[in-house]
Amino acid sequence: MSIYYTNAIGLPYFKKMKIACPIELEEQRNIAAKIKASDTRIFSLQDELSKLKQQKQGLMHDLLTGKVPVKVKEPEVVDG
């Protein structure tokens, strides 16, 4: 037997909430435009992050497989 529990906030909770809403349509449009601009920026940053992660993975693969040599200024001393 398994028990499932979640700490989610459901629709009934939101139906009871009182939310302030600007009366002026122009103010509503300004707020919506700012939210849309923020969403666009977030999606852009997420896309950029994804591309950088792929680039990092490719570079790490090239380094670890020896495809790209690693330049070392000083030789490593090994005690043994």
PDB file of N, CA and C in Angstrom:
ATOM      1  N   MET A   1       0.849  -1.179   0.000  1.00  0.00           N
ATOM      2  CA  MET A   1       0.000   0.000   0.000  1.00  0.00           C
ATOM      3  C   MET A   1       0.891   1.239   0.000  1.00  0.00           C
ATOM      4  N   SER A   2       0.584   2.179  -0.839  1.00  0.00           N
ATOM      5  CA  SER A   2       1.361   3.416  -0.877  1.00  0.00           C
ATOM      6  C   SER A   2       0.455   4.598  -0.551  1.00  0.00           C
ATOM      7  N   ILE A   3       1.052   5.577   0.077  1.00  0.00           N
ATOM      8  CA  ILE A   3       0.318   6.785   0.462  1.00  0.00           C
ATOM      9  C   ILE A   3       0.917   7.947  -0.308  1.00  0.00           C
ATOM     10  N   TYR A   4       0.070   8.740  -0.906  1.00  0.00           N
ATOM     11  CA  TYR A   4       0.528   9.893  -1.673  1.00  0.00           C
ATOM     12  C   TYR A   4       0.086  11.156  -0.952  1.00  0.00           C
ATOM     13  N   TYR A   5       1.019  12.065  -0.728  1.00  0.00           N
ATOM     14  CA  TYR A   5       0.716  13.320  -0.049  1.00  0.00           C
ATOM     15  C   TYR A   5       1.393  14.450  -0.802  1.00  0.00           C
ATOM     16  N   THR A   6       0.678  15.531  -0.977  1.00  0.00           N
ATOM     17  CA  THR A   6       1.272  16.689  -1.639  1.00  0.00           C
ATOM     18  C   THR A   6       0.913  17.955  -0.873  1.00  0.00           C
ATOM     19  N   ASN A   7       1.772  18.907  -0.956  1.00  0.00           N
ATOM     20  CA  ASN A   7       1.569  20.178  -0.272  1.00  0.00           C
ATOM     21  C   ASN A   7       1.097  21.238  -1.262  1.00  0.00           C
ATOM     22  N   ALA A   8       0.292  20.849  -2.226  1.00  0.00           N
ATOM     23  CA  ALA A   8      -0.136  21.755  -3.283  1.00  0.00           C
ATOM     24  C   ALA A   8      -1.266  22.664  -2.817  1.00  0.00           C
ATOM     25  N   ILE A   9      -1.338  23.814  -3.439  1.00  0.00           N
ATOM     26  CA  ILE A   9      -2.434  24.750  -3.191  1.00  0.00           C
ATOM     27  C   ILE A   9      -3.433  24.544  -4.314  1.00  0.00           C
ATOM     28  N   GLY A  10      -4.645  24.196  -3.951  1.00  0.00           N
ATOM     29  CA  GLY A  10      -5.650  23.879  -4.954  1.00  0.00           C
ATOM     30  C   GLY A  10      -6.501  25.067  -5.359  1.00  0.00           C
ATOM     31  N   LEU A  11      -7.345  24.846  -6.363  1.00  0.00           N
ATOM     32  CA  LEU A  11      -8.230  25.867  -6.903  1.00  0.00           C
ATOM     33  C   LEU A  11      -9.177  26.449  -5.852  1.00  0.00           C
ATOM     34  N   PRO A  12      -9.745  25.643  -4.952  1.00  0.00           N
ATOM     35  CA  PRO A  12     -10.645  26.221  -3.937  1.00  0.00           C
ATOM     36  C   PRO A  12      -9.974  27.317  -3.098  1.00  0.00           C
ATOM     37  N   TYR A  13      -8.694  27.148  -2.822  1.00  0.00           N
ATOM     38  CA  TYR A  13      -7.955  28.153  -2.059  1.00  0.00           C
ATOM     39  C   TYR A  13      -7.927  29.476  -2.820  1.00  0.00           C
ATOM     40  N   PHE A  14      -7.660  29.418  -4.112  1.00  0.00           N
ATOM     41  CA  PHE A  14      -7.577  30.634  -4.922  1.00  0.00           C
ATOM     42  C   PHE A  14      -8.940  31.283  -5.128  1.00  0.00           C
ATOM     43  N   LYS A  15      -9.985  30.493  -5.173  1.00  0.00           N
ATOM     44  CA  LYS A  15     -11.330  31.045  -5.348  1.00  0.00           C
ATOM     45  C   LYS A  15     -11.735  31.909  -4.160  1.00  0.00           C
ATOM     46  N   LYS A  16     -11.187  31.618  -2.982  1.00  0.00           N
ATOM     47  CA  LYS A  16     -11.516  32.376  -1.771  1.00  0.00           C
ATOM     48  C   LYS A  16     -10.689  33.654  -1.644  1.00  0.00           C
ATOM     49  N   MET A  17      -9.601  33.738  -2.383  1.00  0.00           N
ATOM     50  CA  MET A  17      -8.696  34.884  -2.251  1.00  0.00           C
ATOM     51  C   MET A  17      -9.279  36.143  -2.872  1.00  0.00           C
ATOM     52  N   LYS A  18      -8.983  37.258  -2.228  1.00  0.00           N
ATOM     53  CA  LYS A  18      -9.342  38.561  -2.782  1.00  0.00           C
ATOM     54  C   LYS A  18      -8.066  39.160  -3.367  1.00  0.00           C
ATOM     55  N   ILE A  19      -8.130  39.488  -4.639  1.00  0.00           N
ATOM     56  CA  ILE A  19      -6.954  39.998  -5.335  1.00  0.00           C
ATOM     57  C   ILE A  19      -7.253  41.397  -5.855  1.00  0.00           C
ATOM     58  N   ALA A  20      -6.366  42.327  -5.534  1.00  0.00           N
ATOM     59  CA  ALA A  20      -6.529  43.702  -6.021  1.00  0.00           C
ATOM     60  C   ALA A  20      -6.253  43.738  -7.518  1.00  0.00           C
ATOM     61  N   CYS A  21      -7.115  44.420  -8.235  1.00  0.00           N
ATOM     62  CA  CYS A  21      -6.974  44.527  -9.688  1.00  0.00           C
ATOM     63  C   CYS A  21      -7.164  45.990 -10.075  1.00  0.00           C
ATOM     64  N   PRO A  22      -6.224  46.547 -10.834  1.00  0.00           N
ATOM     65  CA  PRO A  22      -6.369  47.941 -11.247  1.00  0.00           C
ATOM     66  C   PRO A  22      -7.640  48.133 -12.080  1.00  0.00           C
ATOM     67  N   ILE A  23      -8.331  49.208 -11.820  1.00  0.00           N
ATOM     68  CA  ILE A  23      -9.574  49.489 -12.536  1.00  0.00           C
ATOM     69  C   ILE A  23      -9.286  49.986 -13.946  1.00  0.00           C
ATOM     70  N   GLU A  24      -8.296  50.840 -14.066  1.00  0.00           N
ATOM     71  CA  GLU A  24      -7.970  51.435 -15.366  1.00  0.00           C
ATOM     72  C   GLU A  24      -7.392  50.382 -16.312  1.00  0.00           C
ATOM     73  N   LEU A  25      -7.962  50.293 -17.487  1.00  0.00           N
ATOM     74  CA  LEU A  25      -7.521  49.327 -18.485  1.00  0.00           C
ATOM     75  C   LEU A  25      -6.077  49.584 -18.914  1.00  0.00           C
ATOM     76  N   GLU A  26      -5.698  50.839 -19.013  1.00  0.00           N
ATOM     77  CA  GLU A  26      -4.334  51.187 -19.426  1.00  0.00           C
ATOM     78  C   GLU A  26      -3.314  50.668 -18.411  1.00  0.00           C
ATOM     79  N   GLU A  27      -3.625  50.780 -17.133  1.00  0.00           N
ATOM     80  CA  GLU A  27      -2.721  50.274 -16.094  1.00  0.00           C
ATOM     81  C   GLU A  27      -2.617  48.750 -16.177  1.00  0.00           C
ATOM     82  N   GLN A  28      -3.733  48.088 -16.440  1.00  0.00           N
ATOM     83  CA  GLN A  28      -3.720  46.637 -16.610  1.00  0.00           C
ATOM     84  C   GLN A  28      -2.830  46.246 -17.789  1.00  0.00           C
ATOM     85  N   ARG A  29      -2.937  46.995 -18.876  1.00  0.00           N
ATOM     86  CA  ARG A  29      -2.113  46.712 -20.058  1.00  0.00           C
ATOM     87  C   ARG A  29      -0.627  46.927 -19.767  1.00  0.00           C
ATOM     88  N   ASN A  30      -0.312  47.992 -19.009  1.00  0.00           N
ATOM     89  CA  ASN A  30       1.085  48.252 -18.647  1.00  0.00           C
ATOM     90  C   ASN A  30       1.651  47.116 -17.800  1.00  0.00           C
ATOM     91  N   ILE A  31       0.867  46.656 -16.850  1.00  0.00           N
ATOM     92  CA  ILE A  31       1.304  45.550 -15.992  1.00  0.00           C
ATOM     93  C   ILE A  31       1.507  44.290 -16.832  1.00  0.00           C
ATOM     94  N   ALA A  32       0.549  44.009 -17.709  1.00  0.00           N
ATOM     95  CA  ALA A  32       0.651  42.825 -18.573  1.00  0.00           C
ATOM     96  C   ALA A  32       1.885  42.904 -19.469  1.00  0.00           C
ATOM     97  N   ALA A  33       2.184  44.095 -19.990  1.00  0.00           N
ATOM     98  CA  ALA A  33       3.352  44.272 -20.856  1.00  0.00           C
ATOM     99  C   ALA A  33       4.643  44.010 -20.085  1.00  0.00           C
ATOM    100  N   LYS A  34       4.705  44.471 -18.837  1.00  0.00           N
ATOM    101  CA  LYS A  34       5.904  44.247 -18.019  1.00  0.00           C
ATOM    102  C   LYS A  34       6.071  42.767 -17.690  1.00  0.00           C
ATOM    103  N   ILE A  35       4.973  42.096 -17.406  1.00  0.00           N
ATOM    104  CA  ILE A  35       5.036  40.659 -17.122  1.00  0.00           C
ATOM    105  C   ILE A  35       5.489  39.901 -18.366  1.00  0.00           C
ATOM    106  N   LYS A  36       4.948  40.280 -19.521  1.00  0.00           N
ATOM    107  CA  LYS A  36       5.326  39.624 -20.775  1.00  0.00           C
ATOM    108  C   LYS A  36       6.809  39.843 -21.069  1.00  0.00           C
ATOM    109  N   ALA A  37       7.300  41.058 -20.844  1.00  0.00           N
ATOM    110  CA  ALA A  37       8.717  41.353 -21.070  1.00  0.00           C
ATOM    111  C   ALA A  37       9.596  40.523 -20.133  1.00  0.00           C
ATOM    112  N   SER A  38       9.154  40.377 -18.888  1.00  0.00           N
ATOM    113  CA  SER A  38       9.902  39.560 -17.926  1.00  0.00           C
ATOM    114  C   SER A  38       9.919  38.100 -18.360  1.00  0.00           C
ATOM    115  N   ASP A  39       8.776  37.594 -18.807  1.00  0.00           N
ATOM    116  CA  ASP A  39       8.706  36.215 -19.291  1.00  0.00           C
ATOM    117  C   ASP A  39       9.639  36.002 -20.478  1.00  0.00           C
ATOM    118  N   THR A  40       9.640  36.953 -21.399  1.00  0.00           N
ATOM    119  CA  THR A  40      10.506  36.855 -22.577  1.00  0.00           C
ATOM    120  C   THR A  40      11.968  36.806 -22.156  1.00  0.00           C
ATOM    121  N   ARG A  41      12.336  37.648 -21.204  1.00  0.00           N
ATOM    122  CA  ARG A  41      13.723  37.676 -20.705  1.00  0.00           C
ATOM    123  C   ARG A  41      14.082  36.361 -20.023  1.00  0.00           C
ATOM    124  N   ILE A  42      13.172  35.831 -19.224  1.00  0.00           N
ATOM    125  CA  ILE A  42      13.417  34.560 -18.537  1.00  0.00           C
ATOM    126  C   ILE A  42      13.633  33.444 -19.552  1.00  0.00           C
ATOM    127  N   PHE A  43      12.762  33.351 -20.557  1.00  0.00           N
ATOM    128  CA  PHE A  43      12.909  32.313 -21.578  1.00  0.00           C
ATOM    129  C   PHE A  43      14.220  32.471 -22.338  1.00  0.00           C
ATOM    130  N   SER A  44      14.604  33.702 -22.614  1.00  0.00           N
ATOM    131  CA  SER A  44      15.860  33.965 -23.310  1.00  0.00           C
ATOM    132  C   SER A  44      17.054  33.500 -22.471  1.00  0.00           C
ATOM    133  N   LEU A  45      17.031  33.808 -21.184  1.00  0.00           N
ATOM    134  CA  LEU A  45      18.118  33.398 -20.293  1.00  0.00           C
ATOM    135  C   LEU A  45      18.163  31.883 -20.128  1.00  0.00           C
ATOM    136  N   GLN A  46      16.995  31.240 -20.067  1.00  0.00           N
ATOM    137  CA  GLN A  46      16.956  29.781 -19.966  1.00  0.00           C
ATOM    138  C   GLN A  46      17.548  29.144 -21.217  1.00  0.00           C
ATOM    139  N   ASP A  47      17.240  29.703 -22.377  1.00  0.00           N
ATOM    140  CA  ASP A  47      17.780  29.196 -23.636  1.00  0.00           C
ATOM    141  C   ASP A  47      19.296  29.372 -23.674  1.00  0.00           C
ATOM    142  N   GLU A  48      19.757  30.542 -23.245  1.00  0.00           N
ATOM    143  CA  GLU A  48      21.201  30.812 -23.214  1.00  0.00           C
ATOM    144  C   GLU A  48      21.906  29.847 -22.261  1.00  0.00           C
ATOM    145  N   LEU A  49      21.314  29.604 -21.102  1.00  0.00           N
ATOM    146  CA  LEU A  49      21.892  28.679 -20.128  1.00  0.00           C
ATOM    147  C   LEU A  49      21.976  27.272 -20.705  1.00  0.00           C
ATOM    148  N   SER A  50      20.931  26.852 -21.383  1.00  0.00           N
ATOM    149  CA  SER A  50      20.920  25.526 -22.004  1.00  0.00           C
ATOM    150  C   SER A  50      22.043  25.392 -23.028  1.00  0.00           C
ATOM    151  N   LYS A  51      22.234  26.414 -23.841  1.00  0.00           N
ATOM    152  CA  LYS A  51      23.296  26.392 -24.851  1.00  0.00           C
ATOM    153  C   LYS A  51      24.677  26.363 -24.196  1.00  0.00           C
ATOM    154  N   LEU A  52      24.851  27.123 -23.119  1.00  0.00           N
ATOM    155  CA  LEU A  52      26.139  27.131 -22.420  1.00  0.00           C
ATOM    156  C   LEU A  52      26.431  25.781 -21.774  1.00  0.00           C
ATOM    157  N   LYS A  53      25.396  25.130 -21.246  1.00  0.00           N
ATOM    158  CA  LYS A  53      25.581  23.798 -20.654  1.00  0.00           C
ATOM    159  C   LYS A  53      25.994  22.790 -21.724  1.00  0.00           C
ATOM    160  N   GLN A  54      25.387  22.882 -22.913  1.00  0.00           N
ATOM    161  CA  GLN A  54      25.759  21.989 -24.011  1.00  0.00           C
ATOM    162  C   GLN A  54      27.195  22.256 -24.453  1.00  0.00           C
ATOM    163  N   GLN A  55      27.565  23.523 -24.516  1.00  0.00           N
ATOM    164  CA  GLN A  55      28.926  23.882 -24.903  1.00  0.00           C
ATOM    165  C   GLN A  55      29.924  23.349 -23.876  1.00  0.00           C
ATOM    166  N   LYS A  56      29.603  23.496 -22.602  1.00  0.00           N
ATOM    167  CA  LYS A  56      30.480  23.005 -21.539  1.00  0.00           C
ATOM    168  C   LYS A  56      30.644  21.493 -21.653  1.00  0.00           C
ATOM    169  N   GLN A  57      29.541  20.794 -21.878  1.00  0.00           N
ATOM    170  CA  GLN A  57      29.589  19.336 -21.996  1.00  0.00           C
ATOM    171  C   GLN A  57      30.483  18.923 -23.168  1.00  0.00           C
ATOM    172  N   GLY A  58      30.356  19.625 -24.286  1.00  0.00           N
ATOM    173  CA  GLY A  58      31.189  19.327 -25.449  1.00  0.00           C
ATOM    174  C   GLY A  58      32.661  19.592 -25.184  1.00  0.00           C
ATOM    175  N   LEU A  59      32.954  20.703 -24.528  1.00  0.00           N
ATOM    176  CA  LEU A  59      34.347  21.033 -24.209  1.00  0.00           C
ATOM    177  C   LEU A  59      34.948  20.025 -23.238  1.00  0.00           C
ATOM    178  N   MET A  60      34.178  19.638 -22.231  1.00  0.00           N
ATOM    179  CA  MET A  60      34.662  18.646 -21.266  1.00  0.00           C
ATOM    180  C   MET A  60      34.935  17.313 -21.970  1.00  0.00           C
ATOM    181  N   HIS A  61      34.060  16.935 -22.884  1.00  0.00           N
ATOM    182  CA  HIS A  61      34.253  15.694 -23.639  1.00  0.00           C
ATOM    183  C   HIS A  61      35.540  15.767 -24.455  1.00  0.00           C
ATOM    184  N   ASP A  62      35.749  16.882 -25.132  1.00  0.00           N
ATOM    185  CA  ASP A  62      36.959  17.045 -25.942  1.00  0.00           C
ATOM    186  C   ASP A  62      38.217  16.996 -25.082  1.00  0.00           C
ATOM    187  N   LEU A  63      38.172  17.601 -23.903  1.00  0.00           N
ATOM    188  CA  LEU A  63      39.334  17.589 -23.010  1.00  0.00           C
ATOM    189  C   LEU A  63      39.592  16.197 -22.447  1.00  0.00           C
ATOM    190  N   LEU A  64      38.537  15.522 -22.026  1.00  0.00           N
ATOM    191  CA  LEU A  64      38.700  14.215 -21.387  1.00  0.00           C
ATOM    192  C   LEU A  64      39.078  13.116 -22.376  1.00  0.00           C
ATOM    193  N   THR A  65      38.721  13.257 -23.626  1.00  0.00           N
ATOM    194  CA  THR A  65      39.073  12.248 -24.632  1.00  0.00           C
ATOM    195  C   THR A  65      40.404  12.551 -25.307  1.00  0.00           C
ATOM    196  N   GLY A  66      41.007  13.689 -24.982  1.00  0.00           N
ATOM    197  CA  GLY A  66      42.298  14.048 -25.555  1.00  0.00           C
ATOM    198  C   GLY A  66      42.200  14.697 -26.923  1.00  0.00           C
ATOM    199  N   LYS A  67      41.008  14.981 -27.359  1.00  0.00           N
ATOM    200  CA  LYS A  67      40.826  15.626 -28.666  1.00  0.00           C
ATOM    201  C   LYS A  67      41.454  17.021 -28.665  1.00  0.00           C
ATOM    202  N   VAL A  68      41.385  17.682 -27.511  1.00  0.00           N
ATOM    203  CA  VAL A  68      41.996  18.999 -27.337  1.00  0.00           C
ATOM    204  C   VAL A  68      43.089  18.850 -26.281  1.00  0.00           C
ATOM    205  N   PRO A  69      44.339  19.150 -26.632  1.00  0.00           N
ATOM    206  CA  PRO A  69      45.416  19.014 -25.649  1.00  0.00           C
ATOM    207  C   PRO A  69      45.328  20.095 -24.568  1.00  0.00           C
ATOM    208  N   VAL A  70      45.754  19.712 -23.376  1.00  0.00           N
ATOM    209  CA  VAL A  70      45.773  20.647 -22.252  1.00  0.00           C
ATOM    210  C   VAL A  70      47.205  21.131 -22.090  1.00  0.00           C
ATOM    211  N   LYS A  71      47.407  22.438 -22.173  1.00  0.00           N
ATOM    212  CA  LYS A  71      48.740  23.010 -22.029  1.00  0.00           C
ATOM    213  C   LYS A  71      49.034  23.216 -20.546  1.00  0.00           C
ATOM    214  N   VAL A  72      50.184  22.703 -20.101  1.00  0.00           N
ATOM    215  CA  VAL A  72      50.606  22.843 -18.715  1.00  0.00           C
ATOM    216  C   VAL A  72      51.901  23.646 -18.713  1.00  0.00           C
ATOM    217  N   LYS A  73      51.939  24.733 -17.934  1.00  0.00           N
ATOM    218  CA  LYS A  73      53.118  25.602 -17.911  1.00  0.00           C
ATOM    219  C   LYS A  73      54.294  24.925 -17.218  1.00  0.00           C
ATOM    220  N   GLU A  74      54.034  24.272 -16.084  1.00  0.00           N
ATOM    221  CA  GLU A  74      55.101  23.626 -15.334  1.00  0.00           C
ATOM    222  C   GLU A  74      54.842  22.129 -15.289  1.00  0.00           C
ATOM    223  N   PRO A  75      55.895  21.319 -15.446  1.00  0.00           N
ATOM    224  CA  PRO A  75      55.689  19.873 -15.367  1.00  0.00           C
ATOM    225  C   PRO A  75      55.277  19.467 -13.953  1.00  0.00           C
ATOM    226  N   GLU A  76      54.442  18.466 -13.881  1.00  0.00           N
ATOM    227  CA  GLU A  76      53.949  17.993 -12.589  1.00  0.00           C
ATOM    228  C   GLU A  76      54.989  17.068 -11.969  1.00  0.00           C
ATOM    229  N   VAL A  77      55.272  17.268 -10.673  1.00  0.00           N
ATOM    230  CA  VAL A  77      56.224  16.432  -9.955  1.00  0.00           C
ATOM    231  C   VAL A  77      55.445  15.367  -9.207  1.00  0.00           C
ATOM    232  N   VAL A  78      55.833  14.108  -9.423  1.00  0.00           N
ATOM    233  CA  VAL A  78      55.142  12.995  -8.776  1.00  0.00           C
ATOM    234  C   VAL A  78      56.104  12.347  -7.799  1.00  0.00           C
ATOM    235  N   ASP A  79      55.698  12.255  -6.533  1.00  0.00           N
ATOM    236  CA  ASP A  79      56.506  11.567  -5.526  1.00  0.00           C
ATOM    237  C   ASP A  79      56.201  10.077  -5.606  1.00  0.00           C
ATOM    238  N   GLY A  80      57.209   9.273  -5.514  1.00  0.00           N
ATOM    239  CA  GLY A  80      56.887   7.861  -5.574  1.00  0.00           C
ATOM    240  C   GLY A  80      58.003   7.052  -5.208  1.00  0.00           C
TER     241      GLY A  80
END
